[in-house]
Amino acid sequence: MRRRVVVSGRVQGVGFRQAALAAAARRHVAGWVRNHRDGRVEAVFEGPPGDVVALVEWCRRGPPLAKVTGLEVFEESPELLIGFRIASTA
């Protein structure tokens, strides 16, 4: 399963990308996370459905210092990604 999310709110400068990386590693989910210049964070999660859904739900709150005010979720076809990484800013 693959989901792409775009998270709005106070989500930059609060460790969101690093926390997403750690959460994905714990669940052995592949994908990436990156900042957007407009202040949002985007992530892709690929893996077993239960783990991907759990990470999407995690994005609704983010790490402790984040204040998530919006979450867009997009269903996409898996690309068979390997590993999870922090990607360049979009």
Protein backbone atom coordinates (compact mmCIF):
# COMPACT_ATOMS: atom_id res chain seq x y z
CA MET A 1 0.00 0.00 0.00
CA ARG A 2 1.17 3.54 -0.70
CA ARG A 3 -0.12 6.83 0.64
CA ARG A 4 1.20 10.35 0.09
CA VAL A 5 0.37 12.95 2.70
CA VAL A 6 0.74 16.72 2.83
CA VAL A 7 0.73 18.10 6.37
CA SER A 8 -0.08 21.74 7.22
CA GLY A 9 0.39 23.76 10.39
CA ARG A 10 3.46 24.27 12.53
CA VAL A 11 5.30 21.31 11.06
CA GLN A 12 8.71 22.73 10.16
CA GLY A 13 11.39 23.43 12.73
CA VAL A 14 9.81 20.96 15.17
CA GLY A 15 11.61 17.74 14.17
CA PHE A 16 8.77 16.45 12.01
CA ARG A 17 10.97 14.91 9.32
CA GLN A 18 13.31 13.23 11.80
CA ALA A 19 10.36 11.88 13.81
CA ALA A 20 8.71 10.56 10.63
CA LEU A 21 11.97 8.86 9.69
CA ALA A 22 12.14 7.15 13.08
CA ALA A 23 8.45 6.15 13.00
CA ALA A 24 8.82 4.66 9.52
CA ALA A 25 11.95 2.76 10.54
CA ARG A 26 10.16 1.24 13.54
CA ARG A 27 7.45 -0.07 11.21
CA HIS A 28 9.82 -1.04 8.37
CA VAL A 29 7.92 1.23 5.96
CA ALA A 30 9.62 2.65 2.86
CA GLY A 31 9.26 6.14 1.43
CA TRP A 32 10.43 9.67 2.04
CA VAL A 33 9.59 12.93 3.80
CA ARG A 34 10.45 16.51 2.79
CA ASN A 35 9.73 20.13 3.60
CA HIS A 36 7.92 22.42 1.19
CA ARG A 37 8.96 26.04 0.82
CA ASP A 38 5.41 27.09 1.80
CA GLY A 39 5.79 25.59 5.30
CA ARG A 40 4.08 22.25 4.71
CA VAL A 41 5.63 18.77 4.98
CA GLU A 42 5.02 16.02 2.42
CA ALA A 43 5.63 12.31 2.95
CA VAL A 44 5.16 9.03 1.10
CA PHE A 45 4.67 5.78 2.98
CA GLU A 46 4.83 2.34 1.33
CA GLY A 47 4.41 -0.97 3.10
CA PRO A 48 1.90 -3.27 4.75
CA PRO A 49 -1.55 -1.62 4.99
CA GLY A 50 -1.70 -1.58 8.80
CA ASP A 51 1.68 0.11 9.09
CA VAL A 52 0.97 2.68 6.38
CA VAL A 53 -2.39 3.57 7.96
CA ALA A 54 -0.69 3.92 11.36
CA LEU A 55 1.86 6.35 9.92
CA VAL A 56 -0.83 8.40 8.20
CA GLU A 57 -2.63 8.63 11.54
CA TRP A 58 0.64 9.61 13.24
CA CYS A 59 0.88 12.52 10.77
CA ARG A 60 -2.43 13.88 12.11
CA ARG A 61 -0.60 14.86 15.30
CA GLY A 62 3.13 14.65 14.44
CA PRO A 63 5.91 14.99 17.02
CA PRO A 64 5.27 16.75 20.37
CA LEU A 65 6.20 20.29 19.23
CA ALA A 66 4.13 20.15 16.02
CA LYS A 67 0.68 21.68 15.65
CA VAL A 68 -1.00 19.96 12.72
CA THR A 69 -3.92 21.94 11.30
CA GLY A 70 -4.50 20.01 8.07
CA LEU A 71 -3.73 16.67 6.44
CA GLU A 72 -4.31 15.77 2.81
CA VAL A 73 -4.06 12.05 1.99
CA PHE A 74 -3.60 10.70 -1.53
CA GLU A 75 -3.90 7.04 -2.53
CA GLU A 76 -1.16 6.10 -5.00
CA SER A 77 0.14 2.97 -6.67
CA PRO A 78 3.16 1.43 -4.91
CA GLU A 79 6.54 1.96 -6.57
CA LEU A 80 8.31 -0.75 -4.54
CA LEU A 81 10.52 1.73 -2.73
CA ILE A 82 13.30 0.48 -0.48
CA GLY A 83 14.18 2.30 2.73
CA PHE A 84 12.97 5.61 4.11
CA ARG A 85 14.82 8.89 3.68
CA ILE A 86 14.62 12.62 4.19
CA ALA A 87 14.38 14.15 0.71
CA SER A 88 15.31 17.59 -0.61
CA THR A 89 12.94 20.50 -0.07
CA ALA A 90 10.26 20.90 -2.74
